[in-house]
Amino acid sequence: GMVEADHLFGNLIEGAEPSLYPTLRMIHTNLKIYERLR
């Protein structure tokens, strides 16, 4: 099904320095890849 990738995670990391929040970024990337495959 659809997931709340950006609502839960993307909004948190948006605009932050790329070096910040590496684990959150990994989770968000995991969900975005899932969305593309879906």
Full PDB file with SEQRES, HELIX, SHEET, SSBOND, CRYST1, ORIGX, SCALE, CONECT and MASTER records, all heavy atoms in Angstrom:
SEQRES   1 A   38  GLY MET VAL GLU ALA ASP HIS LEU PHE GLY ASN LEU ILE          
SEQRES   2 A   38  GLU GLY ALA GLU PRO SER LEU TYR PRO THR LEU ARG MET          
SEQRES   3 A   38  ILE HIS THR ASN LEU LYS ILE TYR GLU ARG LEU ARG              
HELIX    1 AA1 ALA A    5  ALA A    5  1                                   1    
HELIX    2 AA2 ASP A    6  GLY A   10  3                                   5    
HELIX    3 AA3 ASN A   11  ILE A   13  1                                   3    
HELIX    4 AA4 PRO A   22  LEU A   37  1                                  16    
CRYST1    1.000    1.000    1.000  90.00  90.00  90.00 P 1           1          
ORIGX1      1.000000  0.000000  0.000000        0.00000                         
ORIGX2      0.000000  1.000000  0.000000        0.00000                         
ORIGX3      0.000000  0.000000  1.000000        0.00000                         
SCALE1      1.000000  0.000000  0.000000        0.00000                         
SCALE2      0.000000  1.000000  0.000000        0.00000                         
SCALE3      0.000000  0.000000  1.000000        0.00000                         
ATOM      1  N   GLY A   1       0.809  -1.206   0.000  1.00  0.00           N  
ATOM      2  CA  GLY A   1       0.000   0.000   0.000  1.00  0.00           C  
ATOM      3  C   GLY A   1       0.842   1.256   0.000  1.00  0.00           C  
ATOM      4  O   GLY A   1       2.074   1.212  -0.003  1.00  0.00           O  
ATOM      5  N   MET A   2       0.173   2.412   0.001  1.00  0.00           N  
ATOM      6  CA  MET A   2       0.856   3.700   0.081  1.00  0.00           C  
ATOM      7  C   MET A   2       1.430   3.890   1.489  1.00  0.00           C  
ATOM      8  O   MET A   2       0.926   3.308   2.450  1.00  0.00           O  
ATOM      9  CB  MET A   2      -0.120   4.829  -0.248  1.00  0.00           C  
ATOM     10  CG  MET A   2      -0.672   4.775  -1.662  1.00  0.00           C  
ATOM     11  SD  MET A   2      -1.943   6.037  -1.961  1.00  0.00           S  
ATOM     12  CE  MET A   2      -0.959   7.544  -1.871  1.00  0.00           C  
ATOM     13  N   VAL A   3       2.480   4.699   1.591  1.00  0.00           N  
ATOM     14  CA  VAL A   3       3.116   4.950   2.881  1.00  0.00           C  
ATOM     15  C   VAL A   3       3.306   6.447   3.086  1.00  0.00           C  
ATOM     16  O   VAL A   3       3.329   7.224   2.130  1.00  0.00           O  
ATOM     17  CB  VAL A   3       4.483   4.220   3.001  1.00  0.00           C  
ATOM     18  CG1 VAL A   3       4.292   2.716   3.006  1.00  0.00           C  
ATOM     19  CG2 VAL A   3       5.432   4.642   1.883  1.00  0.00           C  
ATOM     20  N   GLU A   4       3.469   6.841   4.342  1.00  0.00           N  
ATOM     21  CA  GLU A   4       3.632   8.253   4.702  1.00  0.00           C  
ATOM     22  C   GLU A   4       5.113   8.624   4.799  1.00  0.00           C  
ATOM     23  O   GLU A   4       5.571   9.164   5.795  1.00  0.00           O  
ATOM     24  CB  GLU A   4       2.915   8.525   6.023  1.00  0.00           C  
ATOM     25  CG  GLU A   4       1.418   8.286   5.964  1.00  0.00           C  
ATOM     26  CD  GLU A   4       0.733   8.418   7.307  1.00  0.00           C  
ATOM     27  OE1 GLU A   4       1.178   7.745   8.261  1.00  0.00           O  
ATOM     28  OE2 GLU A   4      -0.252   9.168   7.405  1.00  0.00           O  
ATOM     29  N   ALA A   5       5.850   8.361   3.739  1.00  0.00           N  
ATOM     30  CA  ALA A   5       7.295   8.570   3.755  1.00  0.00           C  
ATOM     31  C   ALA A   5       7.665  10.023   4.004  1.00  0.00           C  
ATOM     32  O   ALA A   5       8.478  10.342   4.886  1.00  0.00           O  
ATOM     33  CB  ALA A   5       7.906   8.087   2.436  1.00  0.00           C  
ATOM     34  N   ASP A   6       7.086  10.920   3.236  1.00  0.00           N  
ATOM     35  CA  ASP A   6       7.444  12.332   3.367  1.00  0.00           C  
ATOM     36  C   ASP A   6       6.783  12.967   4.586  1.00  0.00           C  
ATOM     37  O   ASP A   6       7.378  13.809   5.256  1.00  0.00           O  
ATOM     38  CB  ASP A   6       7.057  13.094   2.096  1.00  0.00           C  
ATOM     39  CG  ASP A   6       7.918  12.693   0.912  1.00  0.00           C  
ATOM     40  OD1 ASP A   6       9.099  12.377   1.116  1.00  0.00           O  
ATOM     41  OD2 ASP A   6       7.403  12.687  -0.227  1.00  0.00           O  
ATOM     42  N   HIS A   7       5.545  12.588   4.874  1.00  0.00           N  
ATOM     43  CA  HIS A   7       4.827  13.186   5.995  1.00  0.00           C  
ATOM     44  C   HIS A   7       5.536  12.893   7.317  1.00  0.00           C  
ATOM     45  O   HIS A   7       5.628  13.775   8.182  1.00  0.00           O  
ATOM     46  CB  HIS A   7       3.403  12.645   6.034  1.00  0.00           C  
ATOM     47  CG  HIS A   7       2.537  13.296   7.066  1.00  0.00           C  
ATOM     48  ND1 HIS A   7       2.072  14.586   6.937  1.00  0.00           N  
ATOM     49  CD2 HIS A   7       2.044  12.839   8.253  1.00  0.00           C  
ATOM     50  CE1 HIS A   7       1.345  14.898   7.989  1.00  0.00           C  
ATOM     51  NE2 HIS A   7       1.305  13.863   8.804  1.00  0.00           N  
ATOM     52  N   LEU A   8       6.038  11.677   7.486  1.00  0.00           N  
ATOM     53  CA  LEU A   8       6.687  11.308   8.744  1.00  0.00           C  
ATOM     54  C   LEU A   8       8.179  11.617   8.768  1.00  0.00           C  
ATOM     55  O   LEU A   8       8.712  12.019   9.803  1.00  0.00           O  
ATOM     56  CB  LEU A   8       6.476   9.816   9.026  1.00  0.00           C  
ATOM     57  CG  LEU A   8       5.062   9.364   9.366  1.00  0.00           C  
ATOM     58  CD1 LEU A   8       5.040   7.860   9.622  1.00  0.00           C  
ATOM     59  CD2 LEU A   8       4.524  10.104  10.584  1.00  0.00           C  
ATOM     60  N   PHE A   9       8.867  11.417   7.647  1.00  0.00           N  
ATOM     61  CA  PHE A   9      10.323  11.496   7.658  1.00  0.00           C  
ATOM     62  C   PHE A   9      10.881  12.603   6.766  1.00  0.00           C  
ATOM     63  O   PHE A   9      11.787  13.328   7.170  1.00  0.00           O  
ATOM     64  CB  PHE A   9      10.920  10.138   7.226  1.00  0.00           C  
ATOM     65  CG  PHE A   9      10.522   9.010   8.116  1.00  0.00           C  
ATOM     66  CD1 PHE A   9       9.438   8.205   7.794  1.00  0.00           C  
ATOM     67  CD2 PHE A   9      11.198   8.765   9.300  1.00  0.00           C  
ATOM     68  CE1 PHE A   9       9.051   7.165   8.624  1.00  0.00           C  
ATOM     69  CE2 PHE A   9      10.812   7.743  10.143  1.00  0.00           C  
ATOM     70  CZ  PHE A   9       9.736   6.936   9.808  1.00  0.00           C  
ATOM     71  N   GLY A  10      10.351  12.732   5.555  1.00  0.00           N  
ATOM     72  CA  GLY A  10      10.884  13.731   4.636  1.00  0.00           C  
ATOM     73  C   GLY A  10      10.801  15.136   5.176  1.00  0.00           C  
ATOM     74  O   GLY A  10      11.734  15.935   5.019  1.00  0.00           O  
ATOM     75  N   ASN A  11       9.693  15.458   5.835  1.00  0.00           N  
ATOM     76  CA  ASN A  11       9.526  16.809   6.378  1.00  0.00           C  
ATOM     77  C   ASN A  11      10.517  17.112   7.487  1.00  0.00           C  
ATOM     78  O   ASN A  11      10.885  18.274   7.699  1.00  0.00           O  
ATOM     79  CB  ASN A  11       8.106  16.981   6.916  1.00  0.00           C  
ATOM     80  CG  ASN A  11       7.068  16.972   5.809  1.00  0.00           C  
ATOM     81  OD1 ASN A  11       7.313  17.467   4.725  1.00  0.00           O  
ATOM     82  ND2 ASN A  11       5.906  16.395   6.084  1.00  0.00           N  
ATOM     83  N   LEU A  12      10.946  16.089   8.208  1.00  0.00           N  
ATOM     84  CA  LEU A  12      11.895  16.304   9.307  1.00  0.00           C  
ATOM     85  C   LEU A  12      13.285  16.664   8.798  1.00  0.00           C  
ATOM     86  O   LEU A  12      13.980  17.484   9.401  1.00  0.00           O  
ATOM     87  CB  LEU A  12      11.983  15.043  10.180  1.00  0.00           C  
ATOM     88  CG  LEU A  12      10.832  14.777  11.139  1.00  0.00           C  
ATOM     89  CD1 LEU A  12      11.096  13.491  11.919  1.00  0.00           C  
ATOM     90  CD2 LEU A  12      10.639  15.937  12.107  1.00  0.00           C  
ATOM     91  N   ILE A  13      13.700  16.024   7.721  1.00  0.00           N  
ATOM     92  CA  ILE A  13      15.074  16.225   7.247  1.00  0.00           C  
ATOM     93  C   ILE A  13      15.171  17.292   6.159  1.00  0.00           C  
ATOM     94  O   ILE A  13      16.278  17.716   5.807  1.00  0.00           O  
ATOM     95  CB  ILE A  13      15.676  14.898   6.735  1.00  0.00           C  
ATOM     96  CG1 ILE A  13      14.861  14.349   5.561  1.00  0.00           C  
ATOM     97  CG2 ILE A  13      15.742  13.878   7.866  1.00  0.00           C  
ATOM     98  CD1 ILE A  13      15.411  13.052   4.986  1.00  0.00           C  
ATOM     99  N   GLU A  14      14.036  17.735   5.665  1.00  0.00           N  
ATOM    100  CA  GLU A  14      14.046  18.731   4.593  1.00  0.00           C  
ATOM    101  C   GLU A  14      14.730  20.022   5.052  1.00  0.00           C  
ATOM    102  O   GLU A  14      14.443  20.555   6.114  1.00  0.00           O  
ATOM    103  CB  GLU A  14      12.613  19.056   4.167  1.00  0.00           C  
ATOM    104  CG  GLU A  14      12.527  20.006   2.986  1.00  0.00           C  
ATOM    105  CD  GLU A  14      11.090  20.252   2.556  1.00  0.00           C  
ATOM    106  OE1 GLU A  14      10.168  19.790   3.257  1.00  0.00           O  
ATOM    107  OE2 GLU A  14      10.900  20.912   1.522  1.00  0.00           O  
ATOM    108  N   GLY A  15      15.669  20.495   4.251  1.00  0.00           N  
ATOM    109  CA  GLY A  15      16.366  21.739   4.542  1.00  0.00           C  
ATOM    110  C   GLY A  15      17.540  21.608   5.492  1.00  0.00           C  
ATOM    111  O   GLY A  15      18.256  22.590   5.723  1.00  0.00           O  
ATOM    112  N   ALA A  16      17.756  20.416   6.062  1.00  0.00           N  
ATOM    113  CA  ALA A  16      18.876  20.215   6.992  1.00  0.00           C  
ATOM    114  C   ALA A  16      20.158  19.906   6.219  1.00  0.00           C  
ATOM    115  O   ALA A  16      20.119  19.477   5.064  1.00  0.00           O  
ATOM    116  CB  ALA A  16      18.558  19.066   7.946  1.00  0.00           C  
ATOM    117  N   GLU A  17      21.284  20.154   6.855  1.00  0.00           N  
ATOM    118  CA  GLU A  17      22.565  19.828   6.244  1.00  0.00           C  
ATOM    119  C   GLU A  17      22.610  18.329   5.912  1.00  0.00           C  
ATOM    120  O   GLU A  17      22.146  17.502   6.701  1.00  0.00           O  
ATOM    121  CB  GLU A  17      23.712  20.165   7.195  1.00  0.00           C  
ATOM    122  CG  GLU A  17      23.915  21.653   7.422  1.00  0.00           C  
ATOM    123  CD  GLU A  17      24.387  22.355   6.162  1.00  0.00           C  
ATOM    124  OE1 GLU A  17      25.126  21.724   5.362  1.00  0.00           O  
ATOM    125  OE2 GLU A  17      24.008  23.523   5.961  1.00  0.00           O  
ATOM    126  N   PRO A  18      23.148  17.953   4.754  1.00  0.00           N  
ATOM    127  CA  PRO A  18      23.172  16.546   4.342  1.00  0.00           C  
ATOM    128  C   PRO A  18      23.862  15.608   5.330  1.00  0.00           C  
ATOM    129  O   PRO A  18      23.566  14.412   5.359  1.00  0.00           O  
ATOM    130  CB  PRO A  18      23.931  16.587   3.009  1.00  0.00           C  
ATOM    131  CG  PRO A  18      23.727  17.973   2.494  1.00  0.00           C  
ATOM    132  CD  PRO A  18      23.691  18.843   3.719  1.00  0.00           C  
ATOM    133  N   SER A  19      24.763  16.151   6.139  1.00  0.00           N  
ATOM    134  CA  SER A  19      25.481  15.309   7.094  1.00  0.00           C  
ATOM    135  C   SER A  19      24.651  14.995   8.338  1.00  0.00           C  
ATOM    136  O   SER A  19      25.013  14.111   9.121  1.00  0.00           O  
ATOM    137  CB  SER A  19      26.786  15.988   7.515  1.00  0.00           C  
ATOM    138  OG  SER A  19      26.521  17.240   8.130  1.00  0.00           O  
ATOM    139  N   LEU A  20      23.535  15.710   8.525  1.00  0.00           N  
ATOM    140  CA  LEU A  20      22.709  15.505   9.711  1.00  0.00           C  
ATOM    141  C   LEU A  20      21.716  14.363   9.504  1.00  0.00           C  
ATOM    142  O   LEU A  20      21.294  14.091   8.386  1.00  0.00           O  
ATOM    143  CB  LEU A  20      21.948  16.789  10.048  1.00  0.00           C  
ATOM    144  CG  LEU A  20      22.774  17.991  10.483  1.00  0.00           C  
ATOM    145  CD1 LEU A  20      21.867  19.210  10.691  1.00  0.00           C  
ATOM    146  CD2 LEU A  20      23.550  17.696  11.755  1.00  0.00           C  
ATOM    147  N   TYR A  21      21.369  13.714  10.574  1.00  0.00           N  
ATOM    148  CA  TYR A  21      20.307  12.710  10.630  1.00  0.00           C  
ATOM    149  C   TYR A  21      20.531  11.539   9.662  1.00  0.00           C  
ATOM    150  O   TYR A  21      19.653  11.196   8.854  1.00  0.00           O  
ATOM    151  CB  TYR A  21      18.943  13.350  10.350  1.00  0.00           C  
ATOM    152  CG  TYR A  21      18.747  14.688  11.002  1.00  0.00           C  
ATOM    153  CD1 TYR A  21      18.317  15.789  10.262  1.00  0.00           C  
ATOM    154  CD2 TYR A  21      18.994  14.873  12.370  1.00  0.00           C  
ATOM    155  CE1 TYR A  21      18.122  17.026  10.854  1.00  0.00           C  
ATOM    156  CE2 TYR A  21      18.806  16.108  12.973  1.00  0.00           C  
ATOM    157  CZ  TYR A  21      18.380  17.192  12.209  1.00  0.00           C  
ATOM    158  OH  TYR A  21      18.202  18.413  12.797  1.00  0.00           O  
ATOM    159  N   PRO A  22      21.690  10.891   9.724  1.00  0.00           N  
ATOM    160  CA  PRO A  22      21.966   9.807   8.761  1.00  0.00           C  
ATOM    161  C   PRO A  22      21.000   8.627   8.858  1.00  0.00           C  
ATOM    162  O   PRO A  22      20.648   8.041   7.832  1.00  0.00           O  
ATOM    163  CB  PRO A  22      23.396   9.377   9.114  1.00  0.00           C  
ATOM    164  CG  PRO A  22      23.601   9.833  10.531  1.00  0.00           C  
ATOM    165  CD  PRO A  22      22.824  11.107  10.647  1.00  0.00           C  
ATOM    166  N   THR A  23      20.561   8.281  10.063  1.00  0.00           N  
ATOM    167  CA  THR A  23      19.655   7.140  10.192  1.00  0.00           C  
ATOM    168  C   THR A  23      18.266   7.489   9.669  1.00  0.00           C  
ATOM    169  O   THR A  23      17.624   6.676   8.991  1.00  0.00           O  
ATOM    170  CB  THR A  23      19.558   6.672  11.658  1.00  0.00           C  
ATOM    171  OG1 THR A  23      20.860   6.668  12.257  1.00  0.00           O  
ATOM    172  CG2 THR A  23      18.969   5.267  11.734  1.00  0.00           C  
ATOM    173  N   LEU A  24      17.793   8.693   9.960  1.00  0.00           N  
ATOM    174  CA  LEU A  24      16.511   9.134   9.413  1.00  0.00           C  
ATOM    175  C   LEU A  24      16.556   9.166   7.889  1.00  0.00           C  
ATOM    176  O   LEU A  24      15.579   8.790   7.217  1.00  0.00           O  
ATOM    177  CB  LEU A  24      16.150  10.522   9.937  1.00  0.00           C  
ATOM    178  CG  LEU A  24      15.678  10.646  11.385  1.00  0.00           C  
ATOM    179  CD1 LEU A  24      15.375  12.099  11.710  1.00  0.00           C  
ATOM    180  CD2 LEU A  24      14.449   9.785  11.637  1.00  0.00           C  
ATOM    181  N   ARG A  25      17.689   9.606   7.336  1.00  0.00           N  
ATOM    182  CA  ARG A  25      17.819   9.651   5.885  1.00  0.00           C  
ATOM    183  C   ARG A  25      17.793   8.246   5.295  1.00  0.00           C  
ATOM    184  O   ARG A  25      17.221   8.016   4.217  1.00  0.00           O  
ATOM    185  CB  ARG A  25      19.102  10.379   5.483  1.00  0.00           C  
ATOM    186  CG  ARG A  25      19.075  11.867   5.810  1.00  0.00           C  
ATOM    187  CD  ARG A  25      20.343  12.573   5.385  1.00  0.00           C  
ATOM    188  NE  ARG A  25      20.334  13.963   5.831  1.00  0.00           N  
ATOM    189  CZ  ARG A  25      19.713  14.962   5.205  1.00  0.00           C  
ATOM    190  NH1 ARG A  25      19.065  14.703   4.085  1.00  0.00           N  
ATOM    191  NH2 ARG A  25      19.741  16.188   5.680  1.00  0.00           N  
ATOM    192  N   MET A  26      18.409   7.294   5.973  1.00  0.00           N  
ATOM    193  CA  MET A  26      18.401   5.916   5.498  1.00  0.00           C  
ATOM    194  C   MET A  26      16.976   5.358   5.488  1.00  0.00           C  
ATOM    195  O   MET A  26      16.554   4.697   4.532  1.00  0.00           O  
ATOM    196  CB  MET A  26      19.296   5.046   6.386  1.00  0.00           C  
ATOM    197  CG  MET A  26      19.352   3.577   5.992  1.00  0.00           C  
ATOM    198  SD  MET A  26      20.648   2.669   6.876  1.00  0.00           S  
ATOM    199  CE  MET A  26      20.182   2.987   8.583  1.00  0.00           C  
ATOM    200  N   ILE A  27      16.217   5.648   6.552  1.00  0.00           N  
ATOM    201  CA  ILE A  27      14.822   5.193   6.624  1.00  0.00           C  
ATOM    202  C   ILE A  27      13.997   5.841   5.523  1.00  0.00           C  
ATOM    203  O   ILE A  27      13.207   5.172   4.832  1.00  0.00           O  
ATOM    204  CB  ILE A  27      14.235   5.510   8.004  1.00  0.00           C  
ATOM    205  CG1 ILE A  27      14.886   4.625   9.066  1.00  0.00           C  
ATOM    206  CG2 ILE A  27      12.717   5.321   8.013  1.00  0.00           C  
ATOM    207  CD1 ILE A  27      14.579   5.044  10.488  1.00  0.00           C  
ATOM    208  N   HIS A  28      14.178   7.140   5.317  1.00  0.00           N  
ATOM    209  CA  HIS A  28      13.432   7.848   4.282  1.00  0.00           C  
ATOM    210  C   HIS A  28      13.778   7.309   2.897  1.00  0.00           C  
ATOM    211  O   HIS A  28      12.888   7.090   2.052  1.00  0.00           O  
ATOM    212  CB  HIS A  28      13.737   9.349   4.355  1.00  0.00           C  
ATOM    213  CG  HIS A  28      12.926  10.176   3.412  1.00  0.00           C  
ATOM    214  ND1 HIS A  28      13.492  10.945   2.420  1.00  0.00           N  
ATOM    215  CD2 HIS A  28      11.580  10.343   3.290  1.00  0.00           C  
ATOM    216  CE1 HIS A  28      12.539  11.558   1.739  1.00  0.00           C  
ATOM    217  NE2 HIS A  28      11.369  11.217   2.240  1.00  0.00           N  
ATOM    218  N   THR A  29      15.057   7.052   2.656  1.00  0.00           N  
ATOM    219  CA  THR A  29      15.481   6.483   1.373  1.00  0.00           C  
ATOM    220  C   THR A  29      14.869   5.108   1.167  1.00  0.00           C  
ATOM    221  O   THR A  29      14.403   4.775   0.063  1.00  0.00           O  
ATOM    222  CB  THR A  29      17.015   6.396   1.314  1.00  0.00           C  
ATOM    223  OG1 THR A  29      17.575   7.697   1.463  1.00  0.00           O  
ATOM    224  CG2 THR A  29      17.473   5.801  -0.007  1.00  0.00           C  
ATOM    225  N   ASN A  30      14.849   4.299   2.205  1.00  0.00           N  
ATOM    226  CA  ASN A  30      14.228   2.980   2.131  1.00  0.00           C  
ATOM    227  C   ASN A  30      12.773   3.086   1.677  1.00  0.00           C  
ATOM    228  O   ASN A  30      12.310   2.342   0.800  1.00  0.00           O  
ATOM    229  CB  ASN A  30      14.310   2.307   3.505  1.00  0.00           C  
ATOM    230  CG  ASN A  30      13.514   1.023   3.593  1.00  0.00           C  
ATOM    231  OD1 ASN A  30      13.674   0.113   2.793  1.00  0.00           O  
ATOM    232  ND2 ASN A  30      12.642   0.941   4.590  1.00  0.00           N  
ATOM    233  N   LEU A  31      12.043   4.044   2.250  1.00  0.00           N  
ATOM    234  CA  LEU A  31      10.631   4.210   1.916  1.00  0.00           C  
ATOM    235  C   LEU A  31      10.443   4.780   0.513  1.00  0.00           C  
ATOM    236  O   LEU A  31       9.503   4.386  -0.199  1.00  0.00           O  
ATOM    237  CB  LEU A  31       9.957   5.115   2.951  1.00  0.00           C  
ATOM    238  CG  LEU A  31       9.886   4.541   4.368  1.00  0.00           C  
ATOM    239  CD1 LEU A  31       9.385   5.599   5.345  1.00  0.00           C  
ATOM    240  CD2 LEU A  31       8.979   3.318   4.407  1.00  0.00           C  
ATOM    241  N   LYS A  32      11.305   5.696   0.101  1.00  0.00           N  
ATOM    242  CA  LYS A  32      11.180   6.268  -1.235  1.00  0.00           C  
ATOM    243  C   LYS A  32      11.496   5.220  -2.307  1.00  0.00           C  
ATOM    244  O   LYS A  32      10.851   5.200  -3.375  1.00  0.00           O  
ATOM    245  CB  LYS A  32      12.096   7.484  -1.393  1.00  0.00           C  
ATOM    246  CG  LYS A  32      11.777   8.641  -0.450  1.00  0.00           C  
ATOM    247  CD  LYS A  32      10.349   9.108  -0.582  1.00  0.00           C  
ATOM    248  CE  LYS A  32      10.093   9.910  -1.832  1.00  0.00           C  
ATOM    249  NZ  LYS A  32       8.713  10.475  -1.861  1.00  0.00           N  
ATOM    250  N   ILE A  33      12.465   4.354  -2.053  1.00  0.00           N  
ATOM    251  CA  ILE A  33      12.744   3.257  -2.996  1.00  0.00           C  
ATOM    252  C   ILE A  33      11.539   2.329  -3.067  1.00  0.00           C  
ATOM    253  O   ILE A  33      11.136   1.892  -4.153  1.00  0.00           O  
ATOM    254  CB  ILE A  33      14.018   2.495  -2.575  1.00  0.00           C  
ATOM    255  CG1 ILE A  33      15.253   3.380  -2.773  1.00  0.00           C  
ATOM    256  CG2 ILE A  33      14.154   1.188  -3.358  1.00  0.00           C  
ATOM    257  CD1 ILE A  33      16.528   2.796  -2.216  1.00  0.00           C  
ATOM    258  N   TYR A  34      10.957   2.030  -1.912  1.00  0.00           N  
ATOM    259  CA  TYR A  34       9.736   1.206  -1.891  1.00  0.00           C  
ATOM    260  C   TYR A  34       8.638   1.855  -2.737  1.00  0.00           C  
ATOM    261  O   TYR A  34       7.959   1.173  -3.521  1.00  0.00           O  
ATOM    262  CB  TYR A  34       9.259   1.023  -0.451  1.00  0.00           C  
ATOM    263  CG  TYR A  34       7.814   0.576  -0.359  1.00  0.00           C  
ATOM    264  CD1 TYR A  34       7.469  -0.764  -0.525  1.00  0.00           C  
ATOM    265  CD2 TYR A  34       6.793   1.512  -0.139  1.00  0.00           C  
ATOM    266  CE1 TYR A  34       6.139  -1.165  -0.468  1.00  0.00           C  
ATOM    267  CE2 TYR A  34       5.464   1.111  -0.078  1.00  0.00           C  
ATOM    268  CZ  TYR A  34       5.147  -0.218  -0.236  1.00  0.00           C  
ATOM    269  OH  TYR A  34       3.833  -0.615  -0.197  1.00  0.00           O  
ATOM    270  N   GLU A  35       8.453   3.168  -2.590  1.00  0.00           N  
ATOM    271  CA  GLU A  35       7.418   3.860  -3.357  1.00  0.00           C  
ATOM    272  C   GLU A  35       7.672   3.760  -4.863  1.00  0.00           C  
ATOM    273  O   GLU A  35       6.732   3.530  -5.645  1.00  0.00           O  
ATOM    274  CB  GLU A  35       7.349   5.336  -2.949  1.00  0.00           C  
ATOM    275  CG  GLU A  35       6.723   5.572  -1.586  1.00  0.00           C  
ATOM    276  CD  GLU A  35       6.618   7.039  -1.226  1.00  0.00           C  
ATOM    277  OE1 GLU A  35       7.418   7.850  -1.766  1.00  0.00           O  
ATOM    278  OE2 GLU A  35       5.743   7.390  -0.417  1.00  0.00           O  
ATOM    279  N   ARG A  36       8.932   3.905  -5.271  1.00  0.00           N  
ATOM    280  CA  ARG A  36       9.240   3.823  -6.695  1.00  0.00           C  
ATOM    281  C   ARG A  36       9.007   2.419  -7.230  1.00  0.00           C  
ATOM    282  O   ARG A  36       8.450   2.238  -8.319  1.00  0.00           O  
ATOM    283  CB  ARG A  36      10.682   4.266  -6.958  1.00  0.00           C  
ATOM    284  CG  ARG A  36      10.902   5.760  -6.777  1.00  0.00           C  
ATOM    285  CD  ARG A  36      12.168   6.224  -7.463  1.00  0.00           C  
ATOM    286  NE  ARG A  36      13.353   5.627  -6.892  1.00  0.00           N  
ATOM    287  CZ  ARG A  36      14.016   6.136  -5.850  1.00  0.00           C  
ATOM    288  NH1 ARG A  36      13.579   7.237  -5.255  1.00  0.00           N  
ATOM    289  NH2 ARG A  36      15.100   5.544  -5.404  1.00  0.00           N  
ATOM    290  N   LEU A  37       9.430   1.418  -6.462  1.00  0.00           N  
ATOM    291  CA  LEU A  37       9.205   0.034  -6.887  1.00  0.00           C  
ATOM    292  C   LEU A  37       7.716  -0.290  -6.937  1.00  0.00           C  
ATOM    293  O   LEU A  37       7.258  -0.992  -7.845  1.00  0.00           O  
ATOM    294  CB  LEU A  37       9.916  -0.924  -5.933  1.00  0.00           C  
ATOM    295  CG  LEU A  37      11.451  -0.900  -5.965  1.00  0.00           C  
ATOM    296  CD1 LEU A  37      12.023  -1.781  -4.872  1.00  0.00           C  
ATOM    297  CD2 LEU A  37      11.960  -1.363  -7.336  1.00  0.00           C  
ATOM    298  N   ARG A  38       6.987   0.233  -5.976  1.00  0.00           N  
ATOM    299  CA  ARG A  38       5.543  -0.031  -5.924  1.00  0.00           C  
ATOM    300  C   ARG A  38       4.830   0.546  -7.132  1.00  0.00           C  
ATOM    301  O   ARG A  38       3.894  -0.045  -7.691  1.00  0.00           O  
ATOM    302  CB  ARG A  38       4.944   0.564  -4.639  1.00  0.00           C  
ATOM    303  CG  ARG A  38       3.440   0.435  -4.529  1.00  0.00           C  
ATOM    304  CD  ARG A  38       2.948   1.056  -3.234  1.00  0.00           C  
ATOM    305  NE  ARG A  38       1.478   1.027  -3.188  1.00  0.00           N  
ATOM    306  CZ  ARG A  38       0.697   1.976  -3.697  1.00  0.00           C  
ATOM    307  NH1 ARG A  38       1.238   3.037  -4.277  1.00  0.00           N  
ATOM    308  NH2 ARG A  38      -0.632   1.872  -3.624  1.00  0.00           N  
TER     309      ARG A  38                                                      
MASTER        0    0    0    4    0    0    0    6  308    1    0    3          
END                                                                             
